[in-house]
């Protein structure tokens, strides 16, 4: 594979240069002598597995973290970046994976606060509103300066974060996993924005796991592995398979050979289920479906068409207004989520921070949440500390959770490693039913391969899986059948062997399987 230096075009202006960056935390080296260059007017993709050091490296550039050794040069000048304001003064801005917005403030107030560190008033806020409208129109963001942030979609909130940087005429823009929570259409719009910014002379660093994004927008890609720089290559001179080998150190097979399903009894059954929100909107309409032991049933649909409500009802988080949901002969509406977990339901929720982890607790405590009645780990309410430690070390190794020890707080882990903790906790209990919503969101390809193999192993052992994913290829790879949702209804259920991206897309948009004349 190409040496980093071979990818450098000396005719172009180096906008940002890192030399020998080293950063260590207790028990782990995040960045180990990393050097790289980013050119003016390019999109550089920064790739690597979960815990490879990508976010840490860019936090150092953004002033959120400080390096133990090494230097940073901006436009050829040595600089010291000790806090975000130092980075901002150098024209560097970062859109973090978890947005830095005040929910109960307007868009204009958030932009003003981000620029000045205090709220603008009167004519000052009017100027902010006017400039936001100009920028929103120029980039087709469709964001109202007077809208409350808490009322915006995830995609709209991300645009607000970008507006904060554009407002200050930031020249070096860093995006940390910007598409982790975006729909495909939102990414397509964002990619055009990134390309237009680069073409106008801005410098973009894009941290991502998704190789289709890299090859659609990036000029070059830099790969880190275990905190070390592996290489930098132009995207036009490499392939996704080559990049995966750089990231993981081996070939990755997401599509795995497997036998046809050996179907058993129904594990989860929806019968004429309808759900209405507090505002009176119908979210699920007479939904009937069945997930059997030994199969993976995928749910496809454009975001906001009832998938999250379907999952909430299946998990016992939300009551149906009418109809019934039955798991293993027990009506879900009469069971608590804890009851369902005790009877063999595992849940990988879409929003891990809200529904899956406690960020202030340790990795060990998060892994223990659903093991409180396990006699191998507890005796008369007291912890068997040695047994717990052995169990958790086994899970950390088996699920490749990059963490120095189990006492580390969850908030200190990368998003991908937080997701691995959730998956380890849920799948290691050998449940009968797995309800998985966006299970590989934020995971690198190596971790995705492991999740796929675990879900397939669960299926082969006779377990049932309800899989909701916005990734069409993921649904086609894992599912035995795919139910397509639109406007809160099931519009079709397809055998995966007969399904295609085009056919599913047509059903999601037109609610019909007929090919237009």
Protein backbone atom coordinates (compact mmCIF):
# COMPACT_ATOMS: atom_id res chain seq x y z
CA UNK A 1 0.00 0.00 0.00
CA UNK A 2 1.12 3.55 -0.72
CA UNK A 3 3.33 5.39 1.73
CA UNK A 4 1.71 8.59 3.08
CA UNK A 5 4.36 10.74 1.48
CA UNK A 6 3.67 9.34 -1.97
CA UNK A 7 0.15 10.76 -1.86
CA UNK A 8 1.32 14.34 -1.32
CA UNK A 9 1.04 16.79 -4.20
CA UNK A 10 3.73 19.40 -3.48
CA UNK A 11 2.16 21.84 -5.95
CA UNK A 12 -0.78 22.38 -3.60
CA UNK A 13 -0.91 24.51 -0.47
CA UNK A 14 -0.71 22.64 2.82
CA UNK A 15 -3.39 24.14 5.04
CA UNK A 16 -3.05 21.91 8.13
CA UNK A 17 -0.07 19.78 9.15
CA UNK A 18 0.32 17.49 12.16
CA UNK A 19 3.82 16.31 13.10
CA UNK A 20 4.51 13.48 15.54
CA UNK A 21 1.28 13.81 17.53
CA UNK A 22 1.24 11.58 20.61
CA UNK A 23 -1.63 11.29 23.08
CA UNK A 24 -2.05 8.71 25.85
CA UNK A 25 -4.76 8.09 28.44
CA UNK A 26 -4.44 5.74 31.43
CA UNK A 27 -4.05 2.27 29.96
CA UNK A 28 -4.31 3.23 26.29
CA UNK A 29 -2.31 5.13 23.65
CA UNK A 30 -4.82 7.02 21.50
CA UNK A 31 -2.34 8.57 19.03
CA UNK A 32 1.17 7.24 18.48
CA UNK A 33 3.51 9.54 16.53
CA UNK A 34 0.89 10.56 13.95
CA UNK A 35 1.89 12.92 11.14
CA UNK A 36 -0.36 14.03 8.29
CA UNK A 37 -1.00 16.91 5.91
CA UNK A 38 -4.28 18.35 4.66
CA UNK A 39 -4.38 20.53 1.56
CA UNK A 40 -6.36 23.70 1.01
CA UNK A 41 -9.55 22.98 -0.92
CA UNK A 42 -9.65 19.21 -0.37
CA UNK A 43 -11.85 16.73 1.46
CA UNK A 44 -9.67 14.36 3.47
CA UNK A 45 -11.42 11.30 4.91
CA UNK A 46 -10.00 10.05 8.22
CA UNK A 47 -10.70 6.34 8.63
CA UNK A 48 -10.08 3.59 11.16
CA UNK A 49 -11.76 1.10 13.44
CA UNK A 50 -13.55 2.14 16.62
CA UNK A 51 -10.87 3.31 19.05
CA UNK A 52 -8.24 3.85 16.32
CA UNK A 53 -7.68 7.44 17.51
CA UNK A 54 -9.47 9.42 14.80
CA UNK A 55 -11.68 11.57 17.04
CA UNK A 56 -8.90 12.12 19.59
CA UNK A 57 -6.59 13.38 16.84
CA UNK A 58 -9.16 15.87 15.58
CA UNK A 59 -10.13 16.94 19.12
CA UNK A 60 -6.48 17.95 19.52
CA UNK A 61 -6.75 20.07 16.36
CA UNK A 62 -10.05 21.53 17.60
CA UNK A 63 -8.68 22.43 21.03
CA UNK A 64 -10.92 19.99 22.94
CA UNK A 65 -7.93 17.81 23.92
CA UNK A 66 -4.20 18.51 24.14
CA UNK A 67 -1.36 16.41 22.74
CA UNK A 68 1.36 15.01 25.00
CA UNK A 69 3.92 15.54 22.22
CA UNK A 70 4.11 16.75 18.64
CA UNK A 71 3.31 19.96 16.82
CA UNK A 72 0.60 21.56 14.68
CA UNK A 73 1.11 23.92 11.76
CA UNK A 74 -1.63 25.98 10.18
CA UNK A 75 -0.79 27.55 6.80
CA UNK A 76 2.91 26.86 7.45
CA UNK A 77 3.03 28.48 10.89
CA UNK A 78 3.62 26.58 14.15
CA UNK A 79 0.63 27.12 16.44
CA UNK A 80 -0.44 26.20 19.96
CA UNK A 81 -4.06 25.11 20.35
CA UNK A 82 -5.01 24.73 24.00
CA UNK A 83 -8.75 25.38 23.85
CA UNK A 84 -11.54 25.63 21.26
CA UNK A 85 -11.26 29.42 21.14
CA UNK A 86 -7.63 29.09 20.00
CA UNK A 87 -8.76 26.83 17.17
CA UNK A 88 -11.58 29.20 16.27
CA UNK A 89 -9.15 32.12 16.02
CA UNK A 90 -7.13 30.07 13.52
CA UNK A 91 -10.17 29.37 11.39
CA UNK A 92 -10.67 25.79 12.65
CA UNK A 93 -14.11 24.46 13.59
CA UNK A 94 -15.48 21.03 14.46
CA UNK A 95 -18.94 19.49 14.14
CA UNK A 96 -18.97 16.83 16.85
CA UNK A 97 -20.78 13.50 16.61
CA UNK A 98 -23.02 14.62 19.49
CA UNK A 99 -24.18 18.14 18.74
CA UNK A 100 -23.23 21.12 20.92
CA UNK A 101 -26.56 22.97 20.82
CA UNK A 102 -28.90 24.41 23.46
CA UNK A 103 -32.29 22.76 22.75
CA UNK A 104 -34.55 25.47 24.20
CA UNK A 105 -32.87 28.29 22.24
CA UNK A 106 -33.53 29.33 18.66
CA UNK A 107 -31.20 28.67 15.75
CA UNK A 108 -30.10 32.31 15.72
CA UNK A 109 -29.44 32.31 19.47
CA UNK A 110 -27.34 29.14 19.19
CA UNK A 111 -25.27 30.63 16.38
CA UNK A 112 -24.77 33.89 18.29
CA UNK A 113 -23.84 31.99 21.45
CA UNK A 114 -21.32 29.88 19.57
CA UNK A 115 -19.67 32.93 18.04
CA UNK A 116 -19.63 35.36 20.92
CA UNK A 117 -19.89 33.14 23.99
CA UNK A 118 -22.95 35.16 25.02
CA UNK A 119 -26.35 35.99 23.62
CA UNK A 120 -26.61 38.86 21.18
CA UNK A 121 -29.51 41.24 21.74
CA UNK A 122 -31.56 43.61 19.64
CA UNK A 123 -29.95 44.61 16.37
CA UNK A 124 -27.07 42.19 17.01
CA UNK A 125 -29.42 39.22 16.92
CA UNK A 126 -31.15 40.70 13.87
CA UNK A 127 -27.82 40.70 12.03
CA UNK A 128 -27.29 37.08 13.01
CA UNK A 129 -30.75 36.13 11.69
CA UNK A 130 -30.12 37.93 8.41
CA UNK A 131 -26.77 36.25 7.86
CA UNK A 132 -28.21 32.82 8.71
CA UNK A 133 -30.93 33.31 6.07
CA UNK A 134 -28.29 34.22 3.50
CA UNK A 135 -26.20 31.13 4.30
CA UNK A 136 -29.22 28.82 4.52
CA UNK A 137 -30.40 30.01 1.11
CA UNK A 138 -26.94 29.69 -0.42
CA UNK A 139 -26.55 26.07 0.72
CA UNK A 140 -30.26 25.15 0.51
CA UNK A 141 -30.38 24.25 4.21
CA UNK A 142 -34.02 25.23 4.72
CA UNK A 143 -33.41 26.27 8.35
CA UNK A 144 -35.54 28.95 10.02
CA UNK A 145 -33.39 31.23 12.25
CA UNK A 146 -36.29 31.59 14.70
CA UNK A 147 -37.03 27.86 15.06
CA UNK A 148 -36.33 26.24 18.42
CA UNK A 149 -33.55 23.67 18.16
CA UNK A 150 -35.59 21.13 20.14
CA UNK A 151 -38.22 21.20 17.37
CA UNK A 152 -35.71 20.39 14.61
CA UNK A 153 -34.93 16.99 13.10
CA UNK A 154 -31.46 15.48 13.53
CA UNK A 155 -30.52 16.51 10.00
CA UNK A 156 -31.65 20.09 10.61
CA UNK A 157 -29.66 20.25 13.86
CA UNK A 158 -26.56 19.20 12.00
CA UNK A 159 -27.13 22.01 9.51
CA UNK A 160 -27.27 24.43 12.45
CA UNK A 161 -23.85 23.17 13.58
CA UNK A 162 -22.52 23.76 10.06
CA UNK A 163 -24.11 27.23 9.98
CA UNK A 164 -22.22 28.07 13.19
CA UNK A 165 -18.96 27.38 11.35
CA UNK A 166 -19.96 29.10 8.11
CA UNK A 167 -21.10 32.17 10.05
CA UNK A 168 -17.55 32.65 11.37
CA UNK A 169 -16.07 31.94 7.91
CA UNK A 170 -14.23 28.91 9.29
CA UNK A 171 -11.63 27.71 6.78
CA UNK A 172 -10.83 24.24 8.20
CA UNK A 173 -13.99 22.26 8.94
CA UNK A 174 -13.80 18.94 10.82
CA UNK A 175 -16.81 16.59 10.76
CA UNK A 176 -16.91 13.72 13.26
CA UNK A 177 -19.16 10.91 11.96
CA UNK A 178 -21.59 13.42 10.39
CA UNK A 179 -23.85 10.77 8.84
CA UNK A 180 -24.25 8.46 11.84
CA UNK A 181 -27.83 9.66 12.30
CA UNK A 182 -28.64 10.97 8.81
CA UNK A 183 -30.90 9.46 6.19
CA UNK A 184 -29.50 8.68 2.75
CA UNK A 185 -31.12 11.75 1.20
CA UNK A 186 -29.73 13.97 3.99
CA UNK A 187 -26.25 12.58 3.33
CA UNK A 188 -26.60 13.22 -0.39
CA UNK A 189 -27.38 16.85 0.37
CA UNK A 190 -24.54 17.14 2.89
CA UNK A 191 -22.05 15.61 0.44
CA UNK A 192 -22.90 18.29 -2.13
CA UNK A 193 -22.38 20.96 0.54
CA UNK A 194 -18.99 19.51 1.51
CA UNK A 195 -17.90 19.35 -2.12
CA UNK A 196 -19.00 22.93 -2.78
CA UNK A 197 -17.15 24.15 0.33
CA UNK A 198 -13.96 22.41 -0.80
CA UNK A 199 -14.32 23.74 -4.34
CA UNK A 200 -14.59 27.24 -2.83
CA UNK A 201 -11.25 26.75 -1.05
CA UNK A 202 -12.34 25.47 2.37
CA UNK A 203 -10.50 22.49 3.85
CA UNK A 204 -12.61 19.54 5.05
CA UNK A 205 -11.63 16.64 7.32
CA UNK A 206 -14.31 13.94 7.38
CA UNK A 207 -14.23 11.23 10.07
CA UNK A 208 -16.41 8.34 8.93
CA UNK A 209 -16.80 4.56 8.81
CA UNK A 210 -18.82 4.47 5.60
CA UNK A 211 -16.69 3.79 2.57
CA UNK A 212 -19.38 4.74 0.07
CA UNK A 213 -19.23 8.24 1.55
CA UNK A 214 -15.45 8.30 1.28
CA UNK A 215 -15.43 7.38 -2.39
CA UNK A 216 -18.29 9.73 -3.25
CA UNK A 217 -16.83 12.93 -1.80
CA UNK A 218 -13.22 12.60 -0.52
CA UNK A 219 -10.07 13.43 -2.50
CA UNK A 220 -7.80 11.35 -0.27
CA UNK A 221 -8.19 9.06 2.74
CA UNK A 222 -5.92 8.62 5.74
CA UNK A 223 -6.15 5.42 7.77
CA UNK A 224 -5.32 4.98 11.46
CA UNK A 225 -5.06 1.63 13.23
CA UNK A 226 -4.44 1.26 16.98
CA UNK A 227 -3.43 4.92 17.15
CA UNK A 228 -0.82 4.67 14.40
CA UNK A 229 -0.86 6.09 10.88
CA UNK A 230 -1.14 3.27 8.34
CA UNK A 231 -1.19 5.33 5.16
CA UNK A 232 -2.75 8.05 3.02
CA UNK A 233 -3.97 7.34 -0.51
CA UNK A 234 -5.92 9.24 -3.18
CA UNK A 235 -9.41 7.75 -3.45
CA UNK A 236 -9.06 7.59 -7.23
CA UNK A 237 -6.07 5.25 -6.89
CA UNK A 238 -7.47 2.68 -4.45
CA UNK A 239 -10.53 0.51 -3.83
CA UNK A 240 -12.89 -0.05 -0.87
CA UNK A 241 -11.39 -3.52 -0.31
CA UNK A 242 -7.87 -2.06 -0.14
CA UNK A 243 -8.99 0.57 2.37
CA UNK A 244 -10.71 -2.06 4.53
CA UNK A 245 -7.47 -4.06 4.63
CA UNK A 246 -5.64 -0.92 5.76
CA UNK A 247 -8.22 -0.32 8.49
CA UNK A 248 -8.60 -3.87 9.81
CA UNK A 249 -5.41 -5.57 8.67
CA UNK A 250 -7.33 -8.40 6.97
CA UNK A 251 -10.16 -9.09 4.54
CA UNK A 252 -13.71 -8.52 5.82
CA UNK A 253 -16.71 -10.55 4.63
CA UNK A 254 -20.05 -8.94 5.39
CA UNK A 255 -21.94 -11.38 3.18
CA UNK A 256 -21.73 -14.81 4.76
CA UNK A 257 -22.85 -18.19 3.50
CA UNK A 258 -25.81 -19.53 5.47
CA UNK A 259 -28.47 -22.18 5.19
CA UNK A 260 -32.12 -21.46 4.39
CA UNK A 261 -34.08 -20.66 7.57
CA UNK A 262 -35.42 -23.53 9.65
CA UNK A 263 -38.59 -21.84 10.87
CA UNK A 264 -40.04 -22.62 14.26
CA UNK A 265 -42.96 -21.27 16.26
CA UNK A 266 -43.94 -17.59 16.17
CA UNK A 267 -41.82 -15.69 18.67
CA UNK A 268 -43.36 -12.23 18.17
CA UNK A 269 -46.76 -11.50 16.64
CA UNK A 270 -48.42 -8.15 15.87
CA UNK A 271 -52.16 -8.29 15.21
CA UNK A 272 -53.96 -5.16 13.94
CA UNK A 273 -51.77 -2.84 16.03
CA UNK A 274 -52.44 0.91 15.87
CA UNK A 275 -50.63 3.67 17.75
CA UNK A 276 -51.62 7.33 18.06
CA UNK A 277 -49.30 10.01 19.44
CA UNK A 278 -50.33 12.49 22.11
CA UNK A 279 -50.90 15.06 19.38
CA UNK A 280 -53.41 12.74 17.71
CA UNK A 281 -51.24 11.65 14.78
CA UNK A 282 -51.65 8.02 13.70
CA UNK A 283 -48.17 6.43 13.80
CA UNK A 284 -49.05 2.74 13.29
CA UNK A 285 -52.15 1.66 11.39
CA UNK A 286 -53.47 -1.91 11.69
CA UNK A 287 -50.01 -3.45 11.61
CA UNK A 288 -49.94 -7.25 11.48
CA UNK A 289 -46.72 -9.23 11.16
CA UNK A 290 -44.99 -12.28 12.57
CA UNK A 291 -41.38 -13.06 13.48
CA UNK A 292 -40.67 -16.77 13.77
CA UNK A 293 -37.92 -18.65 15.55
CA UNK A 294 -35.02 -19.23 13.18
CA UNK A 295 -35.52 -16.16 10.98
CA UNK A 296 -34.48 -12.54 10.66
CA UNK A 297 -37.35 -10.26 9.67
CA UNK A 298 -36.10 -6.92 8.36
CA UNK A 299 -38.10 -3.69 8.46
CA UNK A 300 -37.47 -1.20 5.65
CA UNK A 301 -38.89 2.30 5.30
CA UNK A 302 -38.06 5.95 4.97
CA UNK A 303 -37.28 7.35 8.41
CA UNK A 304 -40.37 8.55 10.28
CA UNK A 305 -42.82 6.07 8.78
CA UNK A 306 -43.53 4.17 11.98
CA UNK A 307 -40.43 2.03 12.46
CA UNK A 308 -39.47 3.56 15.82
CA UNK A 309 -43.04 3.21 17.11
CA UNK A 310 -43.08 -0.42 15.99
CA UNK A 311 -39.90 -1.09 17.97
CA UNK A 312 -41.16 0.78 21.05
CA UNK A 313 -44.35 -1.30 21.12
CA UNK A 314 -42.42 -4.56 20.62
CA UNK A 315 -40.08 -3.68 23.51
CA UNK A 316 -42.88 -2.68 25.88
CA UNK A 317 -41.75 0.96 25.91
CA UNK A 318 -45.05 2.15 24.45
CA UNK A 319 -48.64 0.88 24.66
CA UNK A 320 -50.67 0.21 21.52
CA UNK A 321 -53.99 2.03 21.26
CA UNK A 322 -55.54 -1.07 19.71
CA UNK A 323 -54.53 -4.55 18.62
CA UNK A 324 -52.24 -7.01 20.38
CA UNK A 325 -48.53 -7.82 20.51
CA UNK A 326 -47.64 -11.28 21.76
CA UNK A 327 -44.18 -12.64 22.64
CA UNK A 328 -43.92 -16.37 23.36
CA UNK A 329 -47.56 -16.53 24.35
CA UNK A 330 -47.41 -13.47 26.66
CA UNK A 331 -49.11 -10.21 25.73
CA UNK A 332 -46.42 -7.55 25.59
CA UNK A 333 -48.75 -4.75 26.69
CA UNK A 334 -49.10 -6.41 30.09
CA UNK A 335 -45.35 -6.90 30.59
CA UNK A 336 -42.67 -4.41 31.55
CA UNK A 337 -39.41 -4.20 29.60
CA UNK A 338 -37.73 -5.89 32.58
CA UNK A 339 -40.22 -8.78 32.39
CA UNK A 340 -39.54 -9.21 28.69
CA UNK A 341 -35.79 -9.19 29.26
CA UNK A 342 -36.14 -11.86 31.93
CA UNK A 343 -38.14 -14.03 29.52
CA UNK A 344 -35.62 -13.81 26.69
CA UNK A 345 -35.98 -10.51 24.81
CA UNK A 346 -32.81 -8.58 23.92
CA UNK A 347 -33.03 -4.98 22.71
CA UNK A 348 -30.50 -2.96 20.73
CA UNK A 349 -32.24 0.44 20.59
CA UNK A 350 -31.74 3.13 17.96
CA UNK A 351 -30.79 5.85 20.47
CA UNK A 352 -28.19 4.27 22.72
CA UNK A 353 -27.69 7.37 24.90
CA UNK A 354 -31.36 7.69 25.71
CA UNK A 355 -32.39 4.04 25.95
CA UNK A 356 -29.36 1.76 26.22
CA UNK A 357 -26.50 3.13 28.34
CA UNK A 358 -25.89 5.17 31.45
CA UNK A 359 -23.03 7.46 30.47
CA UNK A 360 -22.10 8.33 34.06
CA UNK A 361 -21.67 4.67 35.05
CA UNK A 362 -18.77 2.35 34.27
CA UNK A 363 -18.55 -0.17 31.46
CA UNK A 364 -18.90 -2.94 34.07
CA UNK A 365 -22.06 -1.45 35.56
CA UNK A 366 -23.60 -1.05 32.11
CA UNK A 367 -22.84 -4.68 31.30
CA UNK A 368 -24.46 -5.77 34.59
CA UNK A 369 -27.81 -4.01 34.09
CA UNK A 370 -29.62 -7.14 32.88
CA UNK A 371 -27.67 -9.67 34.95
CA UNK A 372 -28.93 -8.73 38.41
CA UNK A 373 -30.75 -12.07 38.78
CA UNK A 374 -27.85 -14.14 37.47
CA UNK A 375 -26.82 -16.49 40.34
CA UNK A 376 -23.40 -16.91 38.77
CA UNK A 377 -22.72 -13.19 39.26
CA UNK A 378 -24.76 -12.38 42.38
CA UNK A 379 -25.37 -14.21 45.67
CA UNK A 380 -28.15 -12.92 47.95
CA UNK A 381 -27.88 -9.52 46.33
CA UNK A 382 -24.09 -9.31 46.71
CA UNK A 383 -21.75 -9.22 43.76
CA UNK A 384 -19.43 -12.13 43.03
CA UNK A 385 -16.65 -9.72 42.07
CA UNK A 386 -14.19 -12.25 40.69
CA UNK A 387 -16.87 -13.91 38.54
CA UNK A 388 -18.06 -10.52 37.28
CA UNK A 389 -14.54 -9.44 36.40
CA UNK A 390 -13.87 -12.68 34.49
CA UNK A 391 -17.20 -12.42 32.67
CA UNK A 392 -16.64 -8.82 31.61
CA UNK A 393 -13.05 -9.40 30.50
CA UNK A 394 -14.38 -12.23 28.34
CA UNK A 395 -16.99 -9.93 26.76
CA UNK A 396 -14.45 -7.16 26.15
CA UNK A 397 -12.20 -9.60 24.31
CA UNK A 398 -15.01 -11.38 22.44
CA UNK A 399 -16.71 -8.20 21.23
CA UNK A 400 -13.45 -6.26 20.73
CA UNK A 401 -14.42 -3.38 23.01
CA UNK A 402 -11.48 -0.96 22.99
CA UNK A 403 -11.22 0.02 26.66
CA UNK A 404 -8.30 -0.15 29.15
CA UNK A 405 -10.45 -1.62 31.93
CA UNK A 406 -14.10 -2.13 32.88
CA UNK A 407 -14.03 0.70 35.43
CA UNK A 408 -13.89 3.36 32.70
CA UNK A 409 -17.02 5.54 32.45
CA UNK A 410 -19.17 4.98 29.40
CA UNK A 411 -18.96 8.65 28.42
CA UNK A 412 -15.20 8.19 27.88
CA UNK A 413 -15.73 5.60 25.13
CA UNK A 414 -16.17 6.33 21.44
CA UNK A 415 -19.68 5.99 20.06
CA UNK A 416 -18.74 2.75 18.33
CA UNK A 417 -17.35 1.22 21.51
CA UNK A 418 -20.46 2.26 23.43
CA UNK A 419 -22.49 0.38 20.82
CA UNK A 420 -20.29 -2.68 21.26
CA UNK A 421 -21.02 -2.65 25.01
CA UNK A 422 -24.76 -2.67 24.28
CA UNK A 423 -24.45 -5.48 21.75
CA UNK A 424 -22.24 -7.54 24.09
CA UNK A 425 -24.71 -7.14 26.96
CA UNK A 426 -27.74 -8.06 24.85
CA UNK A 427 -26.49 -10.87 22.61
CA UNK A 428 -24.34 -12.62 25.21
CA UNK A 429 -27.49 -13.49 27.21
CA UNK A 430 -28.54 -15.91 24.43
CA UNK A 431 -32.06 -14.47 24.11
CA UNK A 432 -34.93 -16.04 22.19
CA UNK A 433 -35.85 -12.75 20.47
CA UNK A 434 -33.51 -9.93 19.43
CA UNK A 435 -35.07 -6.57 18.59
CA UNK A 436 -32.30 -4.67 16.81
CA UNK A 437 -32.78 -1.09 15.62
CA UNK A 438 -29.83 0.32 13.66
CA UNK A 439 -27.47 -2.20 15.34
CA UNK A 440 -24.37 -1.23 13.34
CA UNK A 441 -24.80 2.54 13.45
CA UNK A 442 -21.40 4.08 14.19
CA UNK A 443 -19.51 0.78 13.87
CA UNK A 444 -16.48 0.18 11.67
CA UNK A 445 -16.53 -2.58 9.05
CA UNK A 446 -14.70 -5.06 11.27
CA UNK A 447 -17.23 -4.58 14.06
CA UNK A 448 -20.07 -4.75 11.54
CA UNK A 449 -18.76 -8.12 10.39
CA UNK A 450 -18.84 -9.37 13.98
CA UNK A 451 -22.41 -8.12 14.57
CA UNK A 452 -23.53 -9.78 11.34
CA UNK A 453 -21.95 -13.07 12.41
CA UNK A 454 -23.59 -12.86 15.85
CA UNK A 455 -27.04 -12.19 14.39
CA UNK A 456 -26.55 -15.05 11.94
CA UNK A 457 -25.41 -17.33 14.78
CA UNK A 458 -28.52 -16.37 16.75
CA UNK A 459 -30.63 -17.27 13.72
CA UNK A 460 -28.79 -20.60 13.22
CA UNK A 461 -29.42 -21.48 16.88
CA UNK A 462 -33.15 -21.03 16.32
CA UNK A 463 -33.49 -17.48 17.63
CA UNK A 464 -35.81 -14.85 16.17
CA UNK A 465 -34.69 -11.34 15.14
CA UNK A 466 -36.66 -8.19 14.32
CA UNK A 467 -34.19 -5.97 12.47
CA UNK A 468 -34.81 -2.30 11.69
CA UNK A 469 -32.13 -0.62 9.57
CA UNK A 470 -31.82 2.41 7.34
CA UNK A 471 -29.03 0.60 5.45
CA UNK A 472 -30.66 -1.23 2.55
CA UNK A 473 -27.64 -3.46 1.91
CA UNK A 474 -27.68 -4.49 5.56
CA UNK A 475 -31.32 -5.56 5.30
CA UNK A 476 -30.69 -7.49 2.09
CA UNK A 477 -27.60 -9.15 3.58
CA UNK A 478 -29.15 -10.28 6.87
CA UNK A 479 -32.90 -10.69 6.37
CA UNK A 480 -34.87 -13.76 5.36
CA UNK A 481 -37.95 -11.60 4.79
CA UNK A 482 -38.32 -7.82 4.54
CA UNK A 483 -41.45 -5.92 5.58
CA UNK A 484 -41.72 -2.51 3.93
CA UNK A 485 -43.34 0.29 5.95
CA UNK A 486 -44.93 3.50 4.68
CA UNK A 487 -47.14 5.93 6.59
CA UNK A 488 -47.37 3.57 9.55
CA UNK A 489 -48.59 0.59 7.52
CA UNK A 490 -46.98 -2.59 6.24
CA UNK A 491 -47.32 -2.22 2.46
CA UNK A 492 -45.57 -5.49 1.53
CA UNK A 493 -43.61 -8.41 2.95
CA UNK A 494 -40.97 -9.79 0.57
CA UNK A 495 -38.75 -12.85 0.61
CA UNK A 496 -35.22 -11.45 0.71
CA UNK A 497 -34.25 -13.58 -2.29
CA UNK A 498 -36.88 -11.74 -4.35
CA UNK A 499 -36.13 -8.28 -2.98
CA UNK A 500 -33.88 -5.59 -4.43
CA UNK A 501 -32.96 -2.01 -3.55
CA UNK A 502 -35.06 -0.76 -6.46
CA UNK A 503 -38.13 -2.82 -5.55
CA UNK A 504 -38.02 -1.86 -1.88
CA UNK A 505 -37.45 1.79 -2.76
CA UNK A 506 -40.43 1.77 -5.09
CA UNK A 507 -42.64 0.30 -2.34
CA UNK A 508 -41.42 2.88 0.21
CA UNK A 509 -42.22 5.80 -2.09
CA UNK A 510 -45.25 4.69 -4.15
CA UNK A 511 -46.64 2.03 -1.75
CA UNK A 512 -47.02 -0.15 -4.85
CA UNK A 513 -44.99 -2.98 -6.34
CA UNK A 514 -46.01 -2.11 -9.89
CA UNK A 515 -43.33 -0.83 -12.25
CA UNK A 516 -44.41 2.50 -13.79
CA UNK A 517 -45.17 2.31 -17.53
